Amino acid sequence: NGIEFGGSFRADQAGDSVLDNGAAYGSEGSVYVSGAFGKIEMGDTVSAPEALFGDLPEVGYTDLATANGLDNDIPYLTGDSHDLLGMGVSDITGPGNPELLYTYSAGAFSIAASMSDGNGANNPMFAAADAQEYALAAAYTFQNYTVGLGYEVIDFTGGTFAQGELAGVATFGNTNVKAYYAWGDQDWVVDQ
């Protein structure tokens, strides 16, 4: 019942002092503290919905992401997953933007919250130095089934994007079946 803390990063992502990126700058790897209160993680983490629901399983040796533009990732809006313009990197809050992630589980219920200060961007049309992103998610697990709901928001100078996700997972022995539905607001049309 004590407090645990730690961190991790890959050696090849330790940092680049010329580009100000890598684990030394909070854009690769992460640190955490956890205890009875849950887990707080900072650095290169995922968004709250992705922390609870994950992505679809990888398929094949090279994954679907390399097969003619197919993708088997759930299109989360916040965290490390927003590539709004198909540029291959985060467009609004920038690549490797540090995230703060909180997760907590009690019995069958799990909750998560995440945020980022929106520091930096790849696309100047978003004027993203002041972009903020927030996300909440909750999941309930009963026997071999999990259902969850997530909500994500990015506020930036030019407006606001919002997205929700409904996810379900069923486990049958060594087989998992996962389904999701994502929807956006009037400024962010993503219904999938």
C-alpha atoms as a PDB file:
ATOM      1  CA  ASN A   1       0.000   0.000   0.000  1.00  0.00           C
ATOM      2  CA  GLY A   2       2.877   2.336  -0.630  1.00  0.00           C
ATOM      3  CA  ILE A   3       3.763   4.668  -3.456  1.00  0.00           C
ATOM      4  CA  GLU A   4       5.523   3.411  -6.553  1.00  0.00           C
ATOM      5  CA  PHE A   5       7.361   5.596  -9.027  1.00  0.00           C
ATOM      6  CA  GLY A   6       9.364   4.985 -12.164  1.00  0.00           C
ATOM      7  CA  GLY A   7       9.961   5.902 -15.752  1.00  0.00           C
ATOM      8  CA  SER A   8      11.030   4.483 -19.064  1.00  0.00           C
ATOM      9  CA  PHE A   9      12.374   5.494 -22.455  1.00  0.00           C
ATOM     10  CA  ARG A  10      14.175   3.792 -25.292  1.00  0.00           C
ATOM     11  CA  ALA A  11      17.908   4.484 -25.511  1.00  0.00           C
ATOM     12  CA  ASP A  12      17.575   5.600 -29.146  1.00  0.00           C
ATOM     13  CA  GLN A  13      15.052   8.240 -28.011  1.00  0.00           C
ATOM     14  CA  ALA A  14      17.159   9.767 -25.239  1.00  0.00           C
ATOM     15  CA  GLY A  15      17.239  13.198 -26.836  1.00  0.00           C
ATOM     16  CA  ASP A  16      18.607  15.532 -29.447  1.00  0.00           C
ATOM     17  CA  SER A  17      19.888  18.822 -28.056  1.00  0.00           C
ATOM     18  CA  VAL A  18      19.786  20.401 -31.521  1.00  0.00           C
ATOM     19  CA  LEU A  19      16.095  19.622 -32.109  1.00  0.00           C
ATOM     20  CA  ASP A  20      15.113  19.852 -28.409  1.00  0.00           C
ATOM     21  CA  ASN A  21      13.271  16.542 -28.583  1.00  0.00           C
ATOM     22  CA  GLY A  22      13.487  13.104 -27.051  1.00  0.00           C
ATOM     23  CA  ALA A  23      13.130  11.806 -23.504  1.00  0.00           C
ATOM     24  CA  ALA A  24      15.236  14.617 -22.054  1.00  0.00           C
ATOM     25  CA  TYR A  25      12.576  17.084 -23.262  1.00  0.00           C
ATOM     26  CA  GLY A  26       9.460  15.103 -22.318  1.00  0.00           C
ATOM     27  CA  SER A  27       8.580  14.115 -25.869  1.00  0.00           C
ATOM     28  CA  GLU A  28       9.705  10.463 -25.652  1.00  0.00           C
ATOM     29  CA  GLY A  29       9.381   8.110 -22.713  1.00  0.00           C
ATOM     30  CA  SER A  30       7.418   8.815 -19.548  1.00  0.00           C
ATOM     31  CA  VAL A  31       7.572   8.987 -15.759  1.00  0.00           C
ATOM     32  CA  TYR A  32       4.868   7.932 -13.318  1.00  0.00           C
ATOM     33  CA  VAL A  33       3.826   7.766  -9.686  1.00  0.00           C
ATOM     34  CA  SER A  34       1.147   5.327  -8.533  1.00  0.00           C
ATOM     35  CA  GLY A  35      -0.549   4.194  -5.359  1.00  0.00           C
ATOM     36  CA  ALA A  36      -3.998   3.625  -3.890  1.00  0.00           C
ATOM     37  CA  PHE A  37      -5.040   6.918  -5.520  1.00  0.00           C
ATOM     38  CA  GLY A  38      -4.392   5.591  -9.038  1.00  0.00           C
ATOM     39  CA  LYS A  39      -1.571   6.325 -11.463  1.00  0.00           C
ATOM     40  CA  ILE A  40      -0.310   9.691 -12.713  1.00  0.00           C
ATOM     41  CA  GLU A  41       1.904   9.533 -15.789  1.00  0.00           C
ATOM     42  CA  MET A  42       3.663  12.383 -17.603  1.00  0.00           C
ATOM     43  CA  GLY A  43       5.533  12.460 -20.902  1.00  0.00           C
ATOM     44  CA  ASP A  44       4.915  10.546 -24.106  1.00  0.00           C
ATOM     45  CA  THR A  45       1.656   8.940 -22.970  1.00  0.00           C
ATOM     46  CA  VAL A  46      -1.614   8.196 -24.728  1.00  0.00           C
ATOM     47  CA  SER A  47      -4.953   9.944 -24.236  1.00  0.00           C
ATOM     48  CA  ALA A  48      -7.493   8.848 -21.609  1.00  0.00           C
ATOM     49  CA  PRO A  49      -9.689   6.886 -24.075  1.00  0.00           C
ATOM     50  CA  GLU A  50      -6.690   5.132 -25.625  1.00  0.00           C
ATOM     51  CA  ALA A  51      -5.397   4.216 -22.155  1.00  0.00           C
ATOM     52  CA  LEU A  52      -8.648   2.361 -21.405  1.00  0.00           C
ATOM     53  CA  PHE A  53      -9.638   1.033 -24.849  1.00  0.00           C
ATOM     54  CA  GLY A  54      -6.328   0.678 -26.722  1.00  0.00           C
ATOM     55  CA  ASP A  55      -6.238   0.286 -30.483  1.00  0.00           C
ATOM     56  CA  LEU A  56      -7.428  -2.478 -32.751  1.00  0.00           C
ATOM     57  CA  PRO A  57      -5.086  -5.502 -32.882  1.00  0.00           C
ATOM     58  CA  GLU A  58      -2.155  -5.368 -35.265  1.00  0.00           C
ATOM     59  CA  VAL A  59      -2.602  -7.601 -38.271  1.00  0.00           C
ATOM     60  CA  GLY A  60       0.228  -9.306 -40.117  1.00  0.00           C
ATOM     61  CA  TYR A  61       3.970  -8.796 -40.047  1.00  0.00           C
ATOM     62  CA  THR A  62       3.927  -5.124 -41.069  1.00  0.00           C
ATOM     63  CA  ASP A  63       0.561  -4.117 -39.577  1.00  0.00           C
ATOM     64  CA  LEU A  64      -2.210  -2.556 -41.641  1.00  0.00           C
ATOM     65  CA  ALA A  65      -0.767   0.957 -41.291  1.00  0.00           C
ATOM     66  CA  THR A  66       1.693   0.203 -44.084  1.00  0.00           C
ATOM     67  CA  ALA A  67      -0.784  -1.466 -46.438  1.00  0.00           C
ATOM     68  CA  ASN A  68      -2.026   1.057 -49.017  1.00  0.00           C
ATOM     69  CA  GLY A  69      -3.036   3.663 -46.447  1.00  0.00           C
ATOM     70  CA  LEU A  70      -5.141   1.283 -44.355  1.00  0.00           C
ATOM     71  CA  ASP A  71      -5.024   1.865 -40.641  1.00  0.00           C
ATOM     72  CA  ASN A  72      -6.080  -0.271 -37.719  1.00  0.00           C
ATOM     73  CA  ASP A  73      -5.751   2.427 -35.079  1.00  0.00           C
ATOM     74  CA  ILE A  74      -8.836   3.955 -33.516  1.00  0.00           C
ATOM     75  CA  PRO A  75      -8.792   7.631 -34.635  1.00  0.00           C
ATOM     76  CA  TYR A  76      -8.438   9.251 -31.213  1.00  0.00           C
ATOM     77  CA  LEU A  77      -8.431  13.036 -31.340  1.00  0.00           C
ATOM     78  CA  THR A  78      -6.011  13.749 -28.481  1.00  0.00           C
ATOM     79  CA  GLY A  79      -2.822  12.197 -27.187  1.00  0.00           C
ATOM     80  CA  ASP A  80      -0.364  10.746 -29.651  1.00  0.00           C
ATOM     81  CA  SER A  81      -3.036   9.914 -32.201  1.00  0.00           C
ATOM     82  CA  HIS A  82      -4.209  13.082 -33.922  1.00  0.00           C
ATOM     83  CA  ASP A  83      -3.057  13.361 -37.535  1.00  0.00           C
ATOM     84  CA  LEU A  84      -5.887  15.592 -38.691  1.00  0.00           C
ATOM     85  CA  LEU A  85      -4.485  16.456 -42.104  1.00  0.00           C
ATOM     86  CA  GLY A  86      -2.923  13.098 -42.967  1.00  0.00           C
ATOM     87  CA  MET A  87       0.592  14.459 -42.466  1.00  0.00           C
ATOM     88  CA  GLY A  88       1.706  11.418 -40.456  1.00  0.00           C
ATOM     89  CA  VAL A  89       2.272  13.514 -37.312  1.00  0.00           C
ATOM     90  CA  SER A  90       0.223  15.457 -34.791  1.00  0.00           C
ATOM     91  CA  ASP A  91      -1.066  18.607 -36.477  1.00  0.00           C
ATOM     92  CA  ILE A  92      -2.478  20.709 -33.642  1.00  0.00           C
ATOM     93  CA  THR A  93      -0.524  20.124 -30.463  1.00  0.00           C
ATOM     94  CA  GLY A  94       2.629  19.014 -32.214  1.00  0.00           C
ATOM     95  CA  PRO A  95       4.682  15.821 -32.367  1.00  0.00           C
ATOM     96  CA  GLY A  96       5.753  14.316 -29.065  1.00  0.00           C
ATOM     97  CA  ASN A  97       3.836  16.916 -27.080  1.00  0.00           C
ATOM     98  CA  PRO A  98       3.993  15.891 -23.400  1.00  0.00           C
ATOM     99  CA  GLU A  99       0.731  14.537 -21.989  1.00  0.00           C
ATOM    100  CA  LEU A 100      -0.497  14.194 -18.433  1.00  0.00           C
ATOM    101  CA  LEU A 101      -2.501  10.987 -17.887  1.00  0.00           C
ATOM    102  CA  TYR A 102      -4.392   9.880 -14.766  1.00  0.00           C
ATOM    103  CA  THR A 103      -5.904   6.390 -14.481  1.00  0.00           C
ATOM    104  CA  TYR A 104      -7.794   4.714 -11.635  1.00  0.00           C
ATOM    105  CA  SER A 105      -9.536   1.356 -11.277  1.00  0.00           C
ATOM    106  CA  ALA A 106     -11.855   0.146  -8.540  1.00  0.00           C
ATOM    107  CA  GLY A 107     -13.335  -3.295  -9.041  1.00  0.00           C
ATOM    108  CA  ALA A 108     -15.037  -3.447 -12.423  1.00  0.00           C
ATOM    109  CA  PHE A 109     -14.861   0.330 -13.023  1.00  0.00           C
ATOM    110  CA  SER A 110     -11.960   2.239 -14.589  1.00  0.00           C
ATOM    111  CA  ILE A 111     -11.626   5.957 -15.265  1.00  0.00           C
ATOM    112  CA  ALA A 112      -8.991   8.046 -16.992  1.00  0.00           C
ATOM    113  CA  ALA A 113      -8.328  11.727 -17.644  1.00  0.00           C
ATOM    114  CA  SER A 114      -5.637  13.330 -19.778  1.00  0.00           C
ATOM    115  CA  MET A 115      -4.550  16.786 -20.869  1.00  0.00           C
ATOM    116  CA  SER A 116      -1.801  18.609 -22.710  1.00  0.00           C
ATOM    117  CA  ASP A 117      -0.728  22.226 -22.796  1.00  0.00           C
ATOM    118  CA  GLY A 118      -0.593  22.317 -26.593  1.00  0.00           C
ATOM    119  CA  ASN A 119       3.007  23.351 -26.806  1.00  0.00           C
ATOM    120  CA  GLY A 120       4.026  23.481 -30.478  1.00  0.00           C
ATOM    121  CA  ALA A 121       2.488  22.357 -33.755  1.00  0.00           C
ATOM    122  CA  ASN A 122       3.322  21.250 -37.280  1.00  0.00           C
ATOM    123  CA  ASN A 123       0.642  23.278 -38.994  1.00  0.00           C
ATOM    124  CA  PRO A 124       0.687  27.065 -38.475  1.00  0.00           C
ATOM    125  CA  MET A 125      -2.940  27.415 -39.621  1.00  0.00           C
ATOM    126  CA  PHE A 126      -3.992  26.152 -36.187  1.00  0.00           C
ATOM    127  CA  ALA A 127      -1.979  28.812 -34.295  1.00  0.00           C
ATOM    128  CA  ALA A 128      -1.476  25.974 -31.870  1.00  0.00           C
ATOM    129  CA  ALA A 129       0.889  27.546 -29.358  1.00  0.00           C
ATOM    130  CA  ASP A 130      -2.228  28.104 -27.257  1.00  0.00           C
ATOM    131  CA  ALA A 131      -4.044  24.861 -28.162  1.00  0.00           C
ATOM    132  CA  GLN A 132      -5.236  22.837 -25.173  1.00  0.00           C
ATOM    133  CA  GLU A 133      -6.452  19.255 -25.233  1.00  0.00           C
ATOM    134  CA  TYR A 134      -8.507  17.378 -22.668  1.00  0.00           C
ATOM    135  CA  ALA A 135      -9.961  13.875 -22.547  1.00  0.00           C
ATOM    136  CA  LEU A 136     -12.072  11.761 -20.185  1.00  0.00           C
ATOM    137  CA  ALA A 137     -12.932   8.076 -20.384  1.00  0.00           C
ATOM    138  CA  ALA A 138     -14.685   5.435 -18.323  1.00  0.00           C
ATOM    139  CA  ALA A 139     -14.969   1.678 -18.726  1.00  0.00           C
ATOM    140  CA  TYR A 140     -16.874  -1.120 -17.037  1.00  0.00           C
ATOM    141  CA  THR A 141     -15.742  -4.752 -17.185  1.00  0.00           C
ATOM    142  CA  PHE A 142     -18.103  -7.631 -16.464  1.00  0.00           C
ATOM    143  CA  GLN A 143     -16.967 -11.226 -16.909  1.00  0.00           C
ATOM    144  CA  ASN A 144     -15.330 -11.355 -20.365  1.00  0.00           C
ATOM    145  CA  TYR A 145     -16.772  -8.072 -21.646  1.00  0.00           C
ATOM    146  CA  THR A 146     -15.703  -4.442 -21.368  1.00  0.00           C
ATOM    147  CA  VAL A 147     -17.666  -1.399 -22.521  1.00  0.00           C
ATOM    148  CA  GLY A 148     -16.405   2.148 -22.398  1.00  0.00           C
ATOM    149  CA  LEU A 149     -17.113   5.724 -23.360  1.00  0.00           C
ATOM    150  CA  GLY A 150     -14.603   8.473 -24.084  1.00  0.00           C
ATOM    151  CA  TYR A 151     -14.819  12.196 -24.819  1.00  0.00           C
ATOM    152  CA  GLU A 152     -12.004  14.372 -26.189  1.00  0.00           C
ATOM    153  CA  VAL A 153     -11.660  18.121 -26.878  1.00  0.00           C
ATOM    154  CA  ILE A 154      -9.002  20.268 -28.536  1.00  0.00           C
ATOM    155  CA  ASP A 155      -9.405  24.038 -28.054  1.00  0.00           C
ATOM    156  CA  PHE A 156      -7.286  26.224 -30.309  1.00  0.00           C
ATOM    157  CA  THR A 157      -7.317  29.788 -31.610  1.00  0.00           C
ATOM    158  CA  GLY A 158      -9.385  28.888 -34.680  1.00  0.00           C
ATOM    159  CA  GLY A 159     -12.085  26.912 -32.845  1.00  0.00           C
ATOM    160  CA  THR A 160     -12.775  23.678 -31.034  1.00  0.00           C
ATOM    161  CA  PHE A 161     -12.806  20.048 -32.114  1.00  0.00           C
ATOM    162  CA  ALA A 162     -14.650  17.477 -30.011  1.00  0.00           C
ATOM    163  CA  GLN A 163     -14.987  13.738 -30.430  1.00  0.00           C
ATOM    164  CA  GLY A 164     -16.576  10.857 -28.561  1.00  0.00           C
ATOM    165  CA  GLU A 165     -15.902   7.138 -28.708  1.00  0.00           C
ATOM    166  CA  LEU A 166     -17.938   4.126 -27.698  1.00  0.00           C
ATOM    167  CA  ALA A 167     -15.849   0.957 -27.421  1.00  0.00           C
ATOM    168  CA  GLY A 168     -16.500  -2.673 -26.584  1.00  0.00           C
ATOM    169  CA  VAL A 169     -14.219  -5.658 -26.074  1.00  0.00           C
ATOM    170  CA  ALA A 170     -15.151  -9.321 -25.715  1.00  0.00           C
ATOM    171  CA  THR A 171     -12.624 -11.986 -24.729  1.00  0.00           C
ATOM    172  CA  PHE A 172     -13.102 -15.646 -25.652  1.00  0.00           C
ATOM    173  CA  GLY A 173     -10.100 -17.645 -24.474  1.00  0.00           C
ATOM    174  CA  ASN A 174      -7.109 -16.354 -26.445  1.00  0.00           C
ATOM    175  CA  THR A 175      -9.290 -14.358 -28.842  1.00  0.00           C
ATOM    176  CA  ASN A 176     -10.334 -10.735 -28.387  1.00  0.00           C
ATOM    177  CA  VAL A 177     -13.023  -9.022 -30.422  1.00  0.00           C
ATOM    178  CA  LYS A 178     -12.988  -5.223 -30.305  1.00  0.00           C
ATOM    179  CA  ALA A 179     -15.410  -2.741 -31.837  1.00  0.00           C
ATOM    180  CA  TYR A 180     -15.709   1.033 -31.640  1.00  0.00           C
ATOM    181  CA  TYR A 181     -17.769   3.916 -32.923  1.00  0.00           C
ATOM    182  CA  ALA A 182     -16.373   7.463 -33.033  1.00  0.00           C
ATOM    183  CA  TRP A 183     -18.367  10.629 -33.630  1.00  0.00           C
ATOM    184  CA  GLY A 184     -17.406  14.290 -33.858  1.00  0.00           C
ATOM    185  CA  ASP A 185     -19.075  17.649 -33.404  1.00  0.00           C
ATOM    186  CA  GLN A 186     -20.153  19.970 -36.238  1.00  0.00           C
ATOM    187  CA  ASP A 187     -16.552  21.189 -36.731  1.00  0.00           C
ATOM    188  CA  TRP A 188     -14.970  17.754 -36.545  1.00  0.00           C
ATOM    189  CA  VAL A 189     -16.883  15.214 -38.611  1.00  0.00           C
ATOM    190  CA  VAL A 190     -15.415  11.769 -37.978  1.00  0.00           C
ATOM    191  CA  ASP A 191     -18.369   9.340 -37.732  1.00  0.00           C
ATOM    192  CA  GLN A 192     -16.816   5.880 -38.157  1.00  0.00           C
END
